Structures are given as structure tokens and as C-alpha cells.
PDB file of N, CA and C in Angstrom:
ATOM      1  N   MET A   1       0.819  -1.192   0.000  1.00  0.00           N
ATOM      2  CA  MET A   1       0.000   0.000   0.000  1.00  0.00           C
ATOM      3  C   MET A   1       0.864   1.258   0.000  1.00  0.00           C
ATOM      4  N   LYS A   2       1.937   1.258   0.807  1.00  0.00           N
ATOM      5  CA  LYS A   2       2.803   2.431   0.875  1.00  0.00           C
ATOM      6  C   LYS A   2       3.486   2.676  -0.463  1.00  0.00           C
ATOM      7  N   ASN A   3       3.872   1.605  -1.135  1.00  0.00           N
ATOM      8  CA  ASN A   3       4.508   1.730  -2.438  1.00  0.00           C
ATOM      9  C   ASN A   3       3.545   2.344  -3.449  1.00  0.00           C
ATOM     10  N   LEU A   4       2.282   1.962  -3.388  1.00  0.00           N
ATOM     11  CA  LEU A   4       1.273   2.516  -4.283  1.00  0.00           C
ATOM     12  C   LEU A   4       1.105   4.010  -4.046  1.00  0.00           C
ATOM     13  N   ILE A   5       1.110   4.415  -2.794  1.00  0.00           N
ATOM     14  CA  ILE A   5       0.961   5.837  -2.471  1.00  0.00           C
ATOM     15  C   ILE A   5       2.142   6.631  -3.011  1.00  0.00           C
ATOM     16  N   THR A   6       3.343   6.125  -2.828  1.00  0.00           N
ATOM     17  CA  THR A   6       4.508   6.874  -3.291  1.00  0.00           C
ATOM     18  C   THR A   6       4.604   6.901  -4.804  1.00  0.00           C
ATOM     19  N   GLN A   7       4.088   5.883  -5.484  1.00  0.00           N
ATOM     20  CA  GLN A   7       4.166   5.847  -6.942  1.00  0.00           C
ATOM     21  C   GLN A   7       3.055   6.630  -7.612  1.00  0.00           C
ATOM     22  N   LYS A   8       1.873   6.660  -7.058  1.00  0.00           N
ATOM     23  CA  LYS A   8       0.718   7.277  -7.720  1.00  0.00           C
ATOM     24  C   LYS A   8       0.315   8.612  -7.113  1.00  0.00           C
ATOM     25  N   LEU A   9       0.164   8.656  -5.798  1.00  0.00           N
ATOM     26  CA  LEU A   9      -0.418   9.830  -5.160  1.00  0.00           C
ATOM     27  C   LEU A   9       0.561  10.997  -5.065  1.00  0.00           C
ATOM     28  N   VAL A  10       1.793  10.730  -4.681  1.00  0.00           N
ATOM     29  CA  VAL A  10       2.756  11.820  -4.499  1.00  0.00           C
ATOM     30  C   VAL A  10       3.048  12.549  -5.809  1.00  0.00           C
ATOM     31  N   PRO A  11       3.314  11.857  -6.925  1.00  0.00           N
ATOM     32  CA  PRO A  11       3.516  12.605  -8.177  1.00  0.00           C
ATOM     33  C   PRO A  11       2.277  13.380  -8.615  1.00  0.00           C
ATOM     34  N   TYR A  12       1.096  12.845  -8.356  1.00  0.00           N
ATOM     35  CA  TYR A  12      -0.122  13.569  -8.720  1.00  0.00           C
ATOM     36  C   TYR A  12      -0.240  14.857  -7.917  1.00  0.00           C
ATOM     37  N   LEU A  13       0.038  14.786  -6.617  1.00  0.00           N
ATOM     38  CA  LEU A  13      -0.070  15.977  -5.782  1.00  0.00           C
ATOM     39  C   LEU A  13       0.965  17.030  -6.153  1.00  0.00           C
ATOM     40  N   ILE A  14       2.152  16.599  -6.534  1.00  0.00           N
ATOM     41  CA  ILE A  14       3.195  17.550  -6.907  1.00  0.00           C
ATOM     42  C   ILE A  14       2.835  18.271  -8.195  1.00  0.00           C
ATOM     43  N   HIS A  15       2.190  17.582  -9.133  1.00  0.00           N
ATOM     44  CA  HIS A  15       1.903  18.169 -10.437  1.00  0.00           C
ATOM     45  C   HIS A  15       0.487  18.712 -10.563  1.00  0.00           C
ATOM     46  N   SER A  16      -0.297  18.693  -9.510  1.00  0.00           N
ATOM     47  CA  SER A  16      -1.684  19.115  -9.641  1.00  0.00           C
ATOM     48  C   SER A  16      -1.819  20.626  -9.484  1.00  0.00           C
ATOM     49  N   LYS A  17      -2.653  21.204 -10.326  1.00  0.00           N
ATOM     50  CA  LYS A  17      -2.898  22.643 -10.266  1.00  0.00           C
ATOM     51  C   LYS A  17      -3.714  23.043  -9.046  1.00  0.00           C
ATOM     52  N   PRO A  18      -4.700  22.238  -8.615  1.00  0.00           N
ATOM     53  CA  PRO A  18      -5.449  22.638  -7.413  1.00  0.00           C
ATOM     54  C   PRO A  18      -4.570  22.746  -6.167  1.00  0.00           C
ATOM     55  N   LEU A  19      -3.537  21.925  -6.065  1.00  0.00           N
ATOM     56  CA  LEU A  19      -2.643  22.019  -4.912  1.00  0.00           C
ATOM     57  C   LEU A  19      -1.907  23.349  -4.922  1.00  0.00           C
ATOM     58  N   ASN A  20      -1.441  23.784  -6.096  1.00  0.00           N
ATOM     59  CA  ASN A  20      -0.761  25.071  -6.194  1.00  0.00           C
ATOM     60  C   ASN A  20      -1.692  26.205  -5.806  1.00  0.00           C
ATOM     61  N   ALA A  21      -2.915  26.160  -6.302  1.00  0.00           N
ATOM     62  CA  ALA A  21      -3.878  27.212  -5.982  1.00  0.00           C
ATOM     63  C   ALA A  21      -4.229  27.193  -4.497  1.00  0.00           C
ATOM     64  N   LEU A  22      -4.383  26.007  -3.942  1.00  0.00           N
ATOM     65  CA  LEU A  22      -4.720  25.890  -2.523  1.00  0.00           C
ATOM     66  C   LEU A  22      -3.582  26.397  -1.638  1.00  0.00           C
ATOM     67  N   LEU A  23      -2.353  26.048  -1.989  1.00  0.00           N
ATOM     68  CA  LEU A  23      -1.209  26.532  -1.215  1.00  0.00           C
ATOM     69  C   LEU A  23      -1.115  28.050  -1.264  1.00  0.00           C
ATOM     70  N   GLY A  24      -1.298  28.607  -2.442  1.00  0.00           N
ATOM     71  CA  GLY A  24      -1.228  30.059  -2.575  1.00  0.00           C
ATOM     72  C   GLY A  24      -2.328  30.763  -1.813  1.00  0.00           C
ATOM     73  N   ALA A  25      -3.556  30.283  -1.960  1.00  0.00           N
ATOM     74  CA  ALA A  25      -4.691  30.917  -1.280  1.00  0.00           C
ATOM     75  C   ALA A  25      -4.577  30.771   0.234  1.00  0.00           C
ATOM     76  N   ALA A  26      -4.210  29.586   0.696  1.00  0.00           N
ATOM     77  CA  ALA A  26      -4.061  29.377   2.139  1.00  0.00           C
ATOM     78  C   ALA A  26      -2.929  30.237   2.689  1.00  0.00           C
ATOM     79  N   GLY A  27      -1.864  30.357   1.923  1.00  0.00           N
ATOM     80  CA  GLY A  27      -0.746  31.190   2.361  1.00  0.00           C
ATOM     81  C   GLY A  27      -1.117  32.653   2.461  1.00  0.00           C
ATOM     82  N   ILE A  28      -1.840  33.153   1.466  1.00  0.00           N
ATOM     83  CA  ILE A  28      -2.255  34.560   1.488  1.00  0.00           C
ATOM     84  C   ILE A  28      -3.197  34.827   2.658  1.00  0.00           C
ATOM     85  N   LEU A  29      -4.150  33.930   2.858  1.00  0.00           N
ATOM     86  CA  LEU A  29      -5.077  34.106   3.983  1.00  0.00           C
ATOM     87  C   LEU A  29      -4.356  34.034   5.330  1.00  0.00           C
ATOM     88  N   ALA A  30      -3.401  33.120   5.442  1.00  0.00           N
ATOM     89  CA  ALA A  30      -2.675  32.989   6.705  1.00  0.00           C
ATOM     90  C   ALA A  30      -1.809  34.217   6.979  1.00  0.00           C
ATOM     91  N   VAL A  31      -1.172  34.742   5.946  1.00  0.00           N
ATOM     92  CA  VAL A  31      -0.363  35.947   6.127  1.00  0.00           C
ATOM     93  C   VAL A  31      -1.252  37.117   6.529  1.00  0.00           C
ATOM     94  N   PHE A  32      -2.382  37.259   5.858  1.00  0.00           N
ATOM     95  CA  PHE A  32      -3.309  38.347   6.166  1.00  0.00           C
ATOM     96  C   PHE A  32      -3.816  38.245   7.605  1.00  0.00           C
ATOM     97  N   TYR A  33      -4.234  37.045   7.997  1.00  0.00           N
ATOM     98  CA  TYR A  33      -4.725  36.848   9.364  1.00  0.00           C
ATOM     99  C   TYR A  33      -3.606  37.066  10.383  1.00  0.00           C
ATOM    100  N   GLY A  34      -2.420  36.570  10.066  1.00  0.00           N
ATOM    101  CA  GLY A  34      -1.295  36.743  10.982  1.00  0.00           C
ATOM    102  C   GLY A  34      -0.932  38.199  11.193  1.00  0.00           C
ATOM    103  N   MET A  35      -1.083  39.010  10.142  1.00  0.00           N
ATOM    104  CA  MET A  35      -0.806  40.438  10.284  1.00  0.00           C
ATOM    105  C   MET A  35      -1.894  41.137  11.090  1.00  0.00           C
ATOM    106  N   LEU A  36      -3.156  40.779  10.832  1.00  0.00           N
ATOM    107  CA  LEU A  36      -4.258  41.430  11.546  1.00  0.00           C
ATOM    108  C   LEU A  36      -4.284  41.069  13.027  1.00  0.00           C
ATOM    109  N   ALA A  37      -4.118  39.794  13.319  1.00  0.00           N
ATOM    110  CA  ALA A  37      -4.222  39.323  14.702  1.00  0.00           C
ATOM    111  C   ALA A  37      -2.893  39.371  15.448  1.00  0.00           C
ATOM    112  N   LYS A  38      -1.838  39.822  14.761  1.00  0.00           N
ATOM    113  CA  LYS A  38      -0.489  39.861  15.345  1.00  0.00           C
ATOM    114  C   LYS A  38      -0.081  38.485  15.872  1.00  0.00           C
ATOM    115  N   ASN A  39      -0.329  37.485  15.039  1.00  0.00           N
ATOM    116  CA  ASN A  39       0.009  36.103  15.368  1.00  0.00           C
ATOM    117  C   ASN A  39       1.195  35.701  14.490  1.00  0.00           C
ATOM    118  N   ASN A  40       2.380  35.679  15.075  1.00  0.00           N
ATOM    119  CA  ASN A  40       3.594  35.434  14.303  1.00  0.00           C
ATOM    120  C   ASN A  40       3.650  34.031  13.717  1.00  0.00           C
ATOM    121  N   LEU A  41       3.169  33.042  14.449  1.00  0.00           N
ATOM    122  CA  LEU A  41       3.232  31.664  13.968  1.00  0.00           C
ATOM    123  C   LEU A  41       2.395  31.487  12.708  1.00  0.00           C
ATOM    124  N   VAL A  42       1.191  32.022  12.691  1.00  0.00           N
ATOM    125  CA  VAL A  42       0.324  31.910  11.515  1.00  0.00           C
ATOM    126  C   VAL A  42       0.940  32.665  10.346  1.00  0.00           C
ATOM    127  N   PHE A  43       1.542  33.808  10.618  1.00  0.00           N
ATOM    128  CA  PHE A  43       2.195  34.595   9.579  1.00  0.00           C
ATOM    129  C   PHE A  43       3.332  33.803   8.930  1.00  0.00           C
ATOM    130  N   ILE A  44       4.169  33.172   9.736  1.00  0.00           N
ATOM    131  CA  ILE A  44       5.298  32.390   9.216  1.00  0.00           C
ATOM    132  C   ILE A  44       4.800  31.185   8.429  1.00  0.00           C
ATOM    133  N   ILE A  45       3.766  30.509   8.910  1.00  0.00           N
ATOM    134  CA  ILE A  45       3.200  29.369   8.183  1.00  0.00           C
ATOM    135  C   ILE A  45       2.662  29.827   6.833  1.00  0.00           C
ATOM    136  N   GLY A  46       2.036  30.992   6.792  1.00  0.00           N
ATOM    137  CA  GLY A  46       1.544  31.541   5.533  1.00  0.00           C
ATOM    138  C   GLY A  46       2.668  31.820   4.554  1.00  0.00           C
ATOM    139  N   ILE A  47       3.760  32.384   5.047  1.00  0.00           N
ATOM    140  CA  ILE A  47       4.917  32.654   4.186  1.00  0.00           C
ATOM    141  C   ILE A  47       5.467  31.345   3.628  1.00  0.00           C
ATOM    142  N   VAL A  48       5.550  30.323   4.458  1.00  0.00           N
ATOM    143  CA  VAL A  48       6.056  29.016   4.005  1.00  0.00           C
ATOM    144  C   VAL A  48       5.136  28.428   2.937  1.00  0.00           C
ATOM    145  N   CYS A  49       3.826  28.551   3.097  1.00  0.00           N
ATOM    146  CA  CYS A  49       2.875  28.046   2.095  1.00  0.00           C
ATOM    147  C   CYS A  49       3.029  28.784   0.772  1.00  0.00           C
ATOM    148  N   ILE A  50       3.196  30.090   0.833  1.00  0.00           N
ATOM    149  CA  ILE A  50       3.369  30.871  -0.393  1.00  0.00           C
ATOM    150  C   ILE A  50       4.656  30.470  -1.100  1.00  0.00           C
ATOM    151  N   ILE A  51       5.737  30.309  -0.357  1.00  0.00           N
ATOM    152  CA  ILE A  51       7.012  29.917  -0.964  1.00  0.00           C
ATOM    153  C   ILE A  51       6.909  28.515  -1.553  1.00  0.00           C
ATOM    154  N   GLY A  52       6.236  27.595  -0.856  1.00  0.00           N
ATOM    155  CA  GLY A  52       6.057  26.239  -1.390  1.00  0.00           C
ATOM    156  C   GLY A  52       5.267  26.230  -2.684  1.00  0.00           C
ATOM    157  N   GLY A  53       4.191  26.994  -2.749  1.00  0.00           N
ATOM    158  CA  GLY A  53       3.411  27.089  -3.983  1.00  0.00           C
ATOM    159  C   GLY A  53       4.217  27.693  -5.109  1.00  0.00           C
ATOM    160  N   TYR A  54       4.997  28.726  -4.794  1.00  0.00           N
ATOM    161  CA  TYR A  54       5.851  29.354  -5.802  1.00  0.00           C
ATOM    162  C   TYR A  54       6.873  28.366  -6.348  1.00  0.00           C
ATOM    163  N   LEU A  55       7.489  27.593  -5.469  1.00  0.00           N
ATOM    164  CA  LEU A  55       8.501  26.640  -5.928  1.00  0.00           C
ATOM    165  C   LEU A  55       7.892  25.542  -6.798  1.00  0.00           C
ATOM    166  N   LEU A  56       6.674  25.104  -6.481  1.00  0.00           N
ATOM    167  CA  LEU A  56       6.015  24.103  -7.328  1.00  0.00           C
ATOM    168  C   LEU A  56       5.710  24.671  -8.709  1.00  0.00           C
ATOM    169  N   ILE A  57       5.224  25.904  -8.765  1.00  0.00           N
ATOM    170  CA  ILE A  57       4.939  26.534 -10.059  1.00  0.00           C
ATOM    171  C   ILE A  57       6.229  26.753 -10.833  1.00  0.00           C
ATOM    172  N   ARG A  58       7.272  27.189 -10.146  1.00  0.00           N
ATOM    173  CA  ARG A  58       8.563  27.441 -10.802  1.00  0.00           C
ATOM    174  C   ARG A  58       9.143  26.158 -11.387  1.00  0.00           C
ATOM    175  N   ARG A  59       9.014  25.058 -10.653  1.00  0.00           N
ATOM    176  CA  ARG A  59       9.525  23.776 -11.151  1.00  0.00           C
ATOM    177  C   ARG A  59       8.807  23.369 -12.430  1.00  0.00           C
ATOM    178  N   ARG A  60       7.486  23.561 -12.464  1.00  0.00           N
ATOM    179  CA  ARG A  60       6.713  23.217 -13.653  1.00  0.00           C
ATOM    180  C   ARG A  60       7.115  24.100 -14.835  1.00  0.00           C
ATOM    181  N   LEU A  61       7.289  25.388 -14.597  1.00  0.00           N
ATOM    182  CA  LEU A  61       7.673  26.297 -15.675  1.00  0.00           C
ATOM    183  C   LEU A  61       9.066  25.978 -16.203  1.00  0.00           C
ATOM    184  N   LYS A  62      10.003  25.670 -15.332  1.00  0.00           N
ATOM    185  CA  LYS A  62      11.352  25.326 -15.776  1.00  0.00           C
ATOM    186  C   LYS A  62      11.347  24.054 -16.613  1.00  0.00           C
ATOM    187  N   ARG A  63      10.526  23.092 -16.226  1.00  0.00           N
ATOM    188  CA  ARG A  63      10.452  21.842 -16.974  1.00  0.00           C
ATOM    189  C   ARG A  63       9.847  22.069 -18.352  1.00  0.00           C
ATOM    190  N   ASN A  64       8.824  22.925 -18.441  1.00  0.00           N
ATOM    191  CA  ASN A  64       8.164  23.172 -19.720  1.00  0.00           C
ATOM    192  C   ASN A  64       9.020  23.989 -20.671  1.00  0.00           C
ATOM    193  N   TYR A  65       9.844  24.890 -20.160  1.00  0.00           N
ATOM    194  CA  TYR A  65      10.618  25.784 -21.011  1.00  0.00           C
ATOM    195  C   TYR A  65      12.091  25.431 -21.078  1.00  0.00           C
ATOM    196  N   SER A  66      12.504  24.303 -20.553  1.00  0.00           N
ATOM    197  CA  SER A  66      13.922  23.952 -20.538  1.00  0.00           C
ATOM    198  C   SER A  66      14.441  23.572 -21.920  1.00  0.00           C
ATOM    199  N   GLY A  67      13.597  23.083 -22.792  1.00  0.00           N
ATOM    200  CA  GLY A  67      14.042  22.646 -24.110  1.00  0.00           C
ATOM    201  C   GLY A  67      14.090  23.744 -25.149  1.00  0.00           C
ATOM    202  N   ARG A  68      13.685  24.942 -24.795  1.00  0.00           N
ATOM    203  CA  ARG A  68      13.632  26.026 -25.786  1.00  0.00           C
ATOM    204  C   ARG A  68      14.793  26.953 -25.688  1.00  0.00           C
TER     205      ARG A  68
END
């Protein structure tokens, strides 16, 4: 079962567009809430989510444009 998850589910999650959108939206909301409520932990988690979404999008763009 674990082998199936690592072979099928993990690559799907890395390449899925909804995950990128969810990471970005959750990150923006967390940063906004962290700034309003002066909650540093939520703010940092939001920054990490935004950076993670950016890196996933960047990896996809580099792969698509590497041959040109």
C-alpha cells in the first residue's frame, strides 16, 4: 500500500494545479490573518505556504521551457 501511495499519489499531488492554488490561497489568507491578529506563527506558516506554492509553479515552468 505504501509503495502505491509513493508511486501514484505523491507525483499527482506535486503536479496538480489545485494544490498550487490551494497553497497560494491558504498562504495569502494565513499571512493576512497573521498580520491582523499579530500572530507570528500563523504569519510564518503563511509565508512558508506561499514559498512552497511558488517553488512548485517554478519547477513546472522550468520543466516546460527547458528545451527552448
